[in-house]
């Protein structure tokens, strides 16, 4: 049963999501109607516009490297591709991401996890929510995927 628009997520699903993420070893903070993942030595995120995010996810998928994606609501739909830690990423890779419109969330950044409610609506998973600890692609694989799909499109 879905909550009416504007209502907080149901407490039982909110609590069970918090427990599930915590059981995976993720550091998750609970704040009112949000579950906030603290990026750390295990998990980072690359934030992209949904269109290019879909191309990146497809690229990773055909190489059996796709991991979970958090969908942020709003008119300018954004995706958070969760990755293994990007804390040791080279400056060159960070510059490549930024040049292609990506934001990186590493070491201590807070990102919302479903079923958080943010200003623009409810945060969700792309596809089915993971029930067990998901595979996280290497941060460098997401950088390579973004570079490959943007170079194909003529962006360097």
N, C-alpha and C. Protein backbone atom coordinates (compact mmCIF):
# COMPACT_ATOMS: atom_id res chain seq x y z
N UNK A 1 0.85 -1.18 0.00
CA UNK A 1 0.00 0.00 0.00
C UNK A 1 0.89 1.23 0.00
N UNK A 2 0.68 2.13 -0.94
CA UNK A 2 1.48 3.34 -1.03
C UNK A 2 0.95 4.41 -0.09
N UNK A 3 1.89 5.22 0.41
CA UNK A 3 1.48 6.32 1.27
C UNK A 3 0.91 7.43 0.41
N UNK A 4 -0.07 8.18 0.92
CA UNK A 4 -0.61 9.30 0.16
C UNK A 4 0.50 10.32 -0.08
N UNK A 5 0.37 11.08 -1.16
CA UNK A 5 1.38 12.09 -1.50
C UNK A 5 1.54 13.05 -0.32
N UNK A 6 2.79 13.27 0.05
CA UNK A 6 3.08 14.18 1.15
C UNK A 6 3.19 13.48 2.49
N UNK A 7 2.75 12.22 2.56
CA UNK A 7 2.82 11.49 3.83
C UNK A 7 4.22 10.91 4.01
N UNK A 8 4.60 10.69 5.25
CA UNK A 8 5.88 10.06 5.53
C UNK A 8 5.81 8.59 5.17
N UNK A 9 6.98 7.98 4.82
CA UNK A 9 6.97 6.54 4.56
C UNK A 9 6.47 5.79 5.78
N UNK A 10 5.85 4.63 5.54
CA UNK A 10 5.38 3.82 6.67
C UNK A 10 6.54 3.46 7.56
N UNK A 11 6.31 3.52 8.87
CA UNK A 11 7.37 3.30 9.84
C UNK A 11 7.97 1.91 9.72
N UNK A 12 7.14 0.87 9.49
CA UNK A 12 7.68 -0.48 9.43
C UNK A 12 8.61 -0.66 8.24
N UNK A 13 8.28 -0.12 7.06
CA UNK A 13 9.16 -0.25 5.90
C UNK A 13 10.41 0.60 6.09
N UNK A 14 10.26 1.74 6.72
CA UNK A 14 11.37 2.63 7.00
C UNK A 14 12.35 1.94 7.95
N UNK A 15 11.81 1.36 9.02
CA UNK A 15 12.64 0.66 10.00
C UNK A 15 13.30 -0.57 9.39
N UNK A 16 12.56 -1.33 8.59
CA UNK A 16 13.15 -2.53 8.01
C UNK A 16 14.24 -2.17 7.00
N UNK A 17 14.05 -1.09 6.26
CA UNK A 17 15.09 -0.64 5.33
C UNK A 17 16.34 -0.24 6.11
N UNK A 18 16.16 0.49 7.20
CA UNK A 18 17.29 0.90 8.03
C UNK A 18 18.05 -0.33 8.54
N UNK A 19 17.31 -1.31 9.03
CA UNK A 19 17.93 -2.54 9.55
C UNK A 19 18.66 -3.30 8.44
N UNK A 20 18.04 -3.39 7.26
CA UNK A 20 18.65 -4.11 6.14
C UNK A 20 19.97 -3.44 5.74
N UNK A 21 19.95 -2.11 5.56
CA UNK A 21 21.17 -1.42 5.14
C UNK A 21 22.27 -1.55 6.21
N UNK A 22 21.88 -1.46 7.45
CA UNK A 22 22.85 -1.59 8.54
C UNK A 22 23.45 -2.99 8.57
N UNK A 23 22.64 -4.01 8.27
CA UNK A 23 23.14 -5.40 8.27
C UNK A 23 24.17 -5.61 7.16
N UNK A 24 24.14 -4.77 6.14
CA UNK A 24 25.13 -4.86 5.06
C UNK A 24 26.45 -4.23 5.46
N UNK A 25 26.50 -3.62 6.63
CA UNK A 25 27.71 -2.95 7.08
C UNK A 25 27.79 -1.50 6.64
N UNK A 26 26.69 -0.98 6.10
CA UNK A 26 26.67 0.42 5.68
C UNK A 26 26.35 1.29 6.88
N UNK A 27 27.02 2.42 6.98
CA UNK A 27 26.75 3.37 8.05
C UNK A 27 25.59 4.26 7.59
N UNK A 28 24.44 4.05 8.20
CA UNK A 28 23.22 4.78 7.80
C UNK A 28 22.72 5.56 9.00
N UNK A 29 22.46 6.83 8.77
CA UNK A 29 21.90 7.70 9.80
C UNK A 29 20.42 7.87 9.54
N UNK A 30 19.66 7.88 10.60
CA UNK A 30 18.21 8.07 10.50
C UNK A 30 17.89 9.49 10.95
N UNK A 31 17.26 10.25 10.08
CA UNK A 31 16.93 11.64 10.38
C UNK A 31 15.51 11.91 9.91
N UNK A 32 14.59 12.00 10.84
CA UNK A 32 13.17 12.23 10.56
C UNK A 32 12.66 11.29 9.48
N UNK A 33 12.48 11.79 8.25
CA UNK A 33 11.93 10.97 7.17
C UNK A 33 12.98 10.60 6.13
N UNK A 34 14.24 10.51 6.60
CA UNK A 34 15.34 10.18 5.70
C UNK A 34 16.24 9.11 6.30
N UNK A 35 16.75 8.27 5.40
CA UNK A 35 17.83 7.35 5.73
C UNK A 35 19.02 7.83 4.90
N UNK A 36 20.08 8.21 5.60
CA UNK A 36 21.23 8.80 4.93
C UNK A 36 22.43 7.88 5.01
N UNK A 37 22.90 7.44 3.85
CA UNK A 37 24.09 6.62 3.76
C UNK A 37 25.31 7.51 3.90
N UNK A 38 26.20 7.15 4.81
CA UNK A 38 27.47 7.85 4.94
C UNK A 38 28.48 7.12 4.07
N UNK A 39 28.95 7.78 3.02
CA UNK A 39 29.94 7.15 2.17
C UNK A 39 31.22 6.97 2.97
N UNK A 40 31.90 5.85 2.70
CA UNK A 40 33.07 5.53 3.51
C UNK A 40 34.02 4.61 2.75
N UNK A 41 34.83 3.85 3.47
CA UNK A 41 35.81 2.95 2.86
C UNK A 41 35.16 1.77 2.13
N UNK A 42 33.84 1.61 2.25
CA UNK A 42 33.13 0.52 1.56
C UNK A 42 32.33 0.99 0.35
N UNK A 43 31.69 2.14 0.49
CA UNK A 43 30.71 2.55 -0.53
C UNK A 43 30.83 4.05 -0.84
N UNK A 44 30.76 4.34 -2.14
CA UNK A 44 30.72 5.71 -2.64
C UNK A 44 29.56 5.79 -3.62
N UNK A 45 29.35 6.95 -4.20
CA UNK A 45 28.29 7.10 -5.20
C UNK A 45 28.72 8.10 -6.26
N UNK A 46 28.28 7.83 -7.48
CA UNK A 46 28.48 8.76 -8.60
C UNK A 46 27.09 9.22 -9.01
N UNK A 47 26.87 10.51 -8.95
CA UNK A 47 25.57 11.09 -9.28
C UNK A 47 25.58 11.63 -10.70
N UNK A 48 24.59 11.19 -11.48
CA UNK A 48 24.48 11.57 -12.89
C UNK A 48 23.05 11.92 -13.24
N UNK A 49 22.88 12.68 -14.32
CA UNK A 49 21.55 12.87 -14.89
C UNK A 49 21.04 11.50 -15.32
N UNK A 50 19.74 11.28 -15.19
CA UNK A 50 19.15 9.96 -15.46
C UNK A 50 19.46 9.45 -16.87
N UNK A 51 19.45 10.31 -17.86
CA UNK A 51 19.69 9.88 -19.24
C UNK A 51 21.06 9.25 -19.42
N UNK A 52 22.08 9.96 -19.02
CA UNK A 52 23.45 9.43 -19.14
C UNK A 52 23.66 8.31 -18.13
N UNK A 53 22.99 8.40 -16.99
CA UNK A 53 23.07 7.33 -16.00
C UNK A 53 22.57 6.01 -16.57
N UNK A 54 21.51 6.08 -17.37
CA UNK A 54 20.97 4.88 -18.00
C UNK A 54 21.97 4.25 -18.97
N UNK A 55 22.68 5.10 -19.70
CA UNK A 55 23.70 4.60 -20.63
C UNK A 55 24.86 3.96 -19.87
N UNK A 56 25.27 4.61 -18.79
CA UNK A 56 26.36 4.07 -17.97
C UNK A 56 25.93 2.74 -17.36
N UNK A 57 24.71 2.68 -16.83
CA UNK A 57 24.23 1.45 -16.20
C UNK A 57 24.15 0.32 -17.23
N UNK A 58 23.71 0.64 -18.44
CA UNK A 58 23.65 -0.38 -19.50
C UNK A 58 25.05 -0.87 -19.83
N UNK A 59 25.99 0.04 -19.97
CA UNK A 59 27.38 -0.31 -20.26
C UNK A 59 27.93 -1.26 -19.19
N UNK A 60 27.67 -0.93 -17.94
CA UNK A 60 28.13 -1.78 -16.84
C UNK A 60 27.40 -3.13 -16.86
N UNK A 61 26.11 -3.10 -17.15
CA UNK A 61 25.29 -4.31 -17.13
C UNK A 61 25.78 -5.34 -18.15
N UNK A 62 26.06 -4.92 -19.37
CA UNK A 62 26.51 -5.88 -20.39
C UNK A 62 27.89 -6.44 -20.05
N UNK A 63 28.61 -5.80 -19.16
CA UNK A 63 29.91 -6.28 -18.70
C UNK A 63 29.82 -6.96 -17.34
N UNK A 64 28.58 -7.19 -16.90
CA UNK A 64 28.28 -7.83 -15.62
C UNK A 64 28.92 -7.08 -14.44
N UNK A 65 28.89 -5.76 -14.51
CA UNK A 65 29.46 -4.91 -13.46
C UNK A 65 28.43 -3.97 -12.85
N UNK A 66 27.17 -4.08 -13.25
CA UNK A 66 26.15 -3.15 -12.75
C UNK A 66 25.85 -3.42 -11.29
N UNK A 67 25.67 -2.36 -10.56
CA UNK A 67 25.28 -2.45 -9.16
C UNK A 67 23.99 -1.68 -8.93
N UNK A 68 23.67 -1.39 -7.68
CA UNK A 68 22.42 -0.70 -7.36
C UNK A 68 22.45 0.78 -7.73
N UNK A 69 21.26 1.26 -8.08
CA UNK A 69 21.10 2.67 -8.44
C UNK A 69 19.96 3.25 -7.62
N UNK A 70 20.22 4.38 -6.99
CA UNK A 70 19.22 5.12 -6.23
C UNK A 70 18.70 6.22 -7.16
N UNK A 71 17.37 6.30 -7.30
CA UNK A 71 16.74 7.29 -8.17
C UNK A 71 16.24 8.44 -7.30
N UNK A 72 16.74 9.63 -7.60
CA UNK A 72 16.32 10.84 -6.89
C UNK A 72 15.14 11.46 -7.64
N UNK A 73 14.09 11.83 -6.94
CA UNK A 73 12.91 12.39 -7.60
C UNK A 73 13.14 13.84 -8.03
N UNK A 74 12.26 14.31 -8.87
CA UNK A 74 12.29 15.71 -9.28
C UNK A 74 12.32 15.85 -10.78
N UNK A 75 12.14 17.09 -11.23
CA UNK A 75 12.09 17.38 -12.66
C UNK A 75 13.43 17.05 -13.33
N UNK A 76 14.52 17.36 -12.66
CA UNK A 76 15.85 17.04 -13.22
C UNK A 76 16.32 15.73 -12.61
N UNK A 77 15.68 14.64 -13.04
CA UNK A 77 15.93 13.33 -12.43
C UNK A 77 17.42 13.01 -12.43
N UNK A 78 17.89 12.60 -11.27
CA UNK A 78 19.29 12.24 -11.07
C UNK A 78 19.36 10.83 -10.52
N UNK A 79 20.41 10.14 -10.85
CA UNK A 79 20.67 8.80 -10.35
C UNK A 79 21.94 8.80 -9.53
N UNK A 80 21.95 8.01 -8.48
CA UNK A 80 23.15 7.75 -7.70
C UNK A 80 23.56 6.31 -7.98
N UNK A 81 24.64 6.13 -8.72
CA UNK A 81 25.17 4.79 -8.97
C UNK A 81 26.09 4.48 -7.80
N UNK A 82 25.69 3.50 -6.99
CA UNK A 82 26.50 3.13 -5.84
C UNK A 82 27.68 2.31 -6.31
N UNK A 83 28.85 2.60 -5.75
CA UNK A 83 30.09 1.94 -6.16
C UNK A 83 30.87 1.50 -4.92
N UNK A 84 31.87 0.66 -5.17
CA UNK A 84 32.85 0.40 -4.12
C UNK A 84 33.55 1.74 -3.85
N UNK A 85 34.25 1.82 -2.77
CA UNK A 85 34.85 3.09 -2.35
C UNK A 85 35.65 3.77 -3.46
N UNK A 86 35.43 5.06 -3.57
CA UNK A 86 36.20 5.87 -4.51
C UNK A 86 37.19 6.77 -3.79
N UNK A 87 37.44 6.46 -2.52
CA UNK A 87 38.30 7.33 -1.71
C UNK A 87 39.72 7.45 -2.24
N UNK A 88 40.20 6.42 -2.90
CA UNK A 88 41.57 6.47 -3.42
C UNK A 88 41.60 6.80 -4.91
N UNK A 89 40.50 7.30 -5.44
CA UNK A 89 40.43 7.65 -6.87
C UNK A 89 41.45 8.73 -7.19
N UNK A 90 42.02 8.60 -8.37
CA UNK A 90 43.00 9.60 -8.80
C UNK A 90 42.30 10.92 -9.12
N UNK A 91 43.05 11.97 -9.01
CA UNK A 91 42.52 13.31 -9.33
C UNK A 91 42.06 13.36 -10.78
N UNK A 92 42.78 12.66 -11.66
CA UNK A 92 42.42 12.62 -13.09
C UNK A 92 41.01 12.04 -13.26
N UNK A 93 40.71 10.95 -12.56
CA UNK A 93 39.37 10.35 -12.68
C UNK A 93 38.29 11.27 -12.13
N UNK A 94 38.58 11.98 -11.05
CA UNK A 94 37.60 12.91 -10.50
C UNK A 94 37.34 14.06 -11.46
N UNK A 95 38.39 14.53 -12.12
CA UNK A 95 38.25 15.60 -13.11
C UNK A 95 37.44 15.11 -14.31
N UNK A 96 37.69 13.86 -14.73
CA UNK A 96 36.94 13.29 -15.85
C UNK A 96 35.45 13.21 -15.53
N UNK A 97 35.14 12.80 -14.31
CA UNK A 97 33.73 12.72 -13.91
C UNK A 97 33.09 14.10 -13.91
N UNK A 98 33.76 15.04 -13.27
CA UNK A 98 33.21 16.41 -13.16
C UNK A 98 33.00 17.01 -14.55
N UNK A 99 33.96 16.78 -15.47
CA UNK A 99 33.86 17.32 -16.83
C UNK A 99 32.66 16.76 -17.58
N UNK A 100 32.16 15.62 -17.16
CA UNK A 100 31.01 14.98 -17.81
C UNK A 100 29.73 15.17 -17.01
N UNK A 101 29.74 16.12 -16.08
CA UNK A 101 28.52 16.45 -15.34
C UNK A 101 28.22 15.57 -14.16
N UNK A 102 29.17 14.73 -13.75
CA UNK A 102 28.94 13.83 -12.61
C UNK A 102 29.39 14.49 -11.31
N UNK A 103 28.69 14.14 -10.25
CA UNK A 103 29.10 14.53 -8.91
C UNK A 103 29.57 13.27 -8.20
N UNK A 104 30.60 13.39 -7.41
CA UNK A 104 31.06 12.23 -6.66
C UNK A 104 30.75 12.42 -5.19
N UNK A 105 30.36 11.34 -4.57
CA UNK A 105 30.06 11.33 -3.14
C UNK A 105 30.99 10.31 -2.51
N UNK A 106 32.01 10.82 -1.82
CA UNK A 106 33.04 9.96 -1.25
C UNK A 106 33.32 10.40 0.19
N UNK A 107 33.88 9.49 0.95
CA UNK A 107 34.38 9.70 2.30
C UNK A 107 33.64 10.73 3.14
N UNK A 108 32.52 10.29 3.70
CA UNK A 108 31.78 11.12 4.64
C UNK A 108 30.61 11.90 4.08
N UNK A 109 30.40 11.84 2.78
CA UNK A 109 29.24 12.50 2.19
C UNK A 109 27.98 11.72 2.56
N UNK A 110 26.90 12.42 2.80
CA UNK A 110 25.61 11.78 3.10
C UNK A 110 24.75 11.78 1.84
N UNK A 111 24.23 10.59 1.49
CA UNK A 111 23.31 10.48 0.35
C UNK A 111 22.06 9.75 0.80
N UNK A 112 20.90 10.14 0.28
CA UNK A 112 19.65 9.49 0.72
C UNK A 112 19.49 8.10 0.14
N UNK A 113 18.91 7.22 0.94
CA UNK A 113 18.56 5.87 0.49
C UNK A 113 17.04 5.72 0.57
N UNK A 114 16.47 4.87 -0.27
CA UNK A 114 15.03 4.62 -0.19
C UNK A 114 14.64 4.04 1.16
N UNK A 115 13.51 4.38 1.71
CA UNK A 115 12.42 5.19 1.17
C UNK A 115 12.43 6.63 1.67
N UNK A 116 13.59 7.26 1.69
CA UNK A 116 13.70 8.65 2.17
C UNK A 116 12.79 9.58 1.40
N UNK A 117 12.33 10.60 2.10
CA UNK A 117 11.57 11.67 1.46
C UNK A 117 12.45 12.91 1.47
N UNK A 118 12.68 13.45 0.27
CA UNK A 118 13.43 14.71 0.16
C UNK A 118 12.48 15.76 -0.40
N UNK A 119 12.95 16.97 -0.56
CA UNK A 119 12.09 18.08 -0.99
C UNK A 119 11.27 17.77 -2.24
N UNK A 120 11.84 17.00 -3.16
CA UNK A 120 11.18 16.76 -4.45
C UNK A 120 10.36 15.49 -4.49
N UNK A 121 10.33 14.71 -3.41
CA UNK A 121 9.54 13.48 -3.40
C UNK A 121 10.25 12.34 -2.69
N UNK A 122 9.84 11.11 -3.03
CA UNK A 122 10.37 9.92 -2.37
C UNK A 122 11.50 9.32 -3.21
N UNK A 123 12.59 9.01 -2.55
CA UNK A 123 13.74 8.38 -3.18
C UNK A 123 13.43 6.91 -3.40
N UNK A 124 13.84 6.36 -4.53
CA UNK A 124 13.56 4.95 -4.82
C UNK A 124 14.76 4.24 -5.42
N UNK A 125 14.60 2.94 -5.60
CA UNK A 125 15.61 2.12 -6.27
C UNK A 125 15.24 2.01 -7.74
N UNK A 126 16.22 1.92 -8.60
CA UNK A 126 15.99 1.58 -10.00
C UNK A 126 15.78 0.07 -10.03
N UNK A 127 14.61 -0.36 -10.45
CA UNK A 127 14.31 -1.79 -10.44
C UNK A 127 13.94 -2.26 -9.04
N UNK A 128 14.09 -3.55 -8.84
CA UNK A 128 13.75 -4.15 -7.55
C UNK A 128 14.77 -3.75 -6.49
N UNK A 129 14.30 -3.47 -5.27
CA UNK A 129 15.25 -3.13 -4.21
C UNK A 129 16.09 -4.35 -3.83
N UNK A 130 17.37 -4.16 -3.60
CA UNK A 130 18.20 -5.31 -3.20
C UNK A 130 17.79 -5.83 -1.82
N UNK A 131 17.65 -7.14 -1.71
CA UNK A 131 17.28 -7.75 -0.44
C UNK A 131 18.51 -8.19 0.35
N UNK A 132 19.57 -8.52 -0.39
CA UNK A 132 20.83 -8.90 0.24
C UNK A 132 21.87 -7.86 -0.14
N UNK A 133 22.99 -7.87 0.57
CA UNK A 133 24.04 -6.89 0.30
C UNK A 133 24.40 -6.95 -1.18
N UNK A 134 24.25 -5.82 -1.88
CA UNK A 134 24.46 -5.83 -3.32
C UNK A 134 25.95 -5.76 -3.70
N UNK A 135 26.24 -6.26 -4.89
CA UNK A 135 27.54 -6.08 -5.50
C UNK A 135 27.70 -4.60 -5.81
N UNK A 136 28.85 -4.04 -5.51
CA UNK A 136 29.15 -2.65 -5.85
C UNK A 136 30.27 -2.64 -6.88
N UNK A 137 30.01 -2.05 -8.05
CA UNK A 137 31.07 -2.01 -9.06
C UNK A 137 32.24 -1.16 -8.59
N UNK A 138 33.44 -1.46 -9.07
CA UNK A 138 34.57 -0.60 -8.73
C UNK A 138 34.30 0.83 -9.20
N UNK A 139 34.73 1.79 -8.42
CA UNK A 139 34.57 3.20 -8.76
C UNK A 139 35.17 3.45 -10.15
N UNK A 140 36.34 2.86 -10.40
CA UNK A 140 37.03 3.07 -11.68
C UNK A 140 36.22 2.52 -12.86
N UNK A 141 35.41 1.47 -12.64
CA UNK A 141 34.57 0.93 -13.71
C UNK A 141 33.49 1.93 -14.10
N UNK A 142 32.95 2.65 -13.12
CA UNK A 142 31.93 3.66 -13.42
C UNK A 142 32.57 4.83 -14.17
N UNK A 143 33.78 5.21 -13.78
CA UNK A 143 34.51 6.27 -14.50
C UNK A 143 34.72 5.84 -15.95
N UNK A 144 35.19 4.60 -16.14
CA UNK A 144 35.44 4.10 -17.49
C UNK A 144 34.16 4.03 -18.31
N UNK A 145 33.08 3.59 -17.69
CA UNK A 145 31.79 3.50 -18.39
C UNK A 145 31.32 4.88 -18.82
N UNK A 146 31.40 5.85 -17.93
CA UNK A 146 30.97 7.21 -18.28
C UNK A 146 31.83 7.77 -19.40
N UNK A 147 33.11 7.53 -19.32
CA UNK A 147 34.01 8.00 -20.36
C UNK A 147 33.67 7.35 -21.70
N UNK A 148 33.44 6.05 -21.69
CA UNK A 148 33.13 5.32 -22.94
C UNK A 148 31.83 5.82 -23.58
N UNK A 149 30.77 5.98 -22.77
CA UNK A 149 29.50 6.40 -23.38
C UNK A 149 29.51 7.85 -23.81
N UNK A 150 30.29 8.68 -23.15
CA UNK A 150 30.34 10.09 -23.57
C UNK A 150 31.27 10.29 -24.76
N UNK A 151 32.32 9.48 -24.87
CA UNK A 151 33.19 9.59 -26.04
C UNK A 151 32.46 9.10 -27.28
N UNK A 152 31.60 8.09 -27.13
CA UNK A 152 30.78 7.60 -28.24
C UNK A 152 29.85 8.71 -28.72
N UNK A 153 29.39 9.53 -27.76
CA UNK A 153 28.49 10.63 -28.09
C UNK A 153 29.25 11.86 -28.58
N UNK A 154 30.58 11.78 -28.64
CA UNK A 154 31.37 12.89 -29.14
C UNK A 154 31.87 13.83 -28.06
N UNK A 155 31.63 13.51 -26.80
CA UNK A 155 32.14 14.34 -25.71
C UNK A 155 33.47 13.78 -25.25
N UNK A 156 34.42 14.61 -25.05
CA UNK A 156 35.73 14.13 -24.61
C UNK A 156 36.05 14.83 -23.32
